[in-house]
């Protein structure tokens, strides 16, 4: 799967699964795609959506941020995930805010 199709499929899945707006879904998909390019080539849309669903938070932003961090914690390189996350509060915030 190409990065473009991964991002498009992921954004669509976010909208359908979490009933979020398209802009937030696109920003999240871009972050997850960048993470996948840099640190998790084997990450699938289905696996990442499932990880977001399983996150122990209510809001999509917190769920997404947790899923990125949780996945990175299983990566032997343990990359810093701040730049891939959505804007949030405190230590789980990132730079990828909705414009």
Foldseek 3Di string as FASTA:
>chain_A
DDLVVQLVVLLVCCCVVVVDDSLVSNLLSVLVSVCCVVFNVPDHSVVLVVQLVPAPDDDSQVSSLVSSQVVLVVGPVSDDSQQSGEADDDPSGHDSYRD
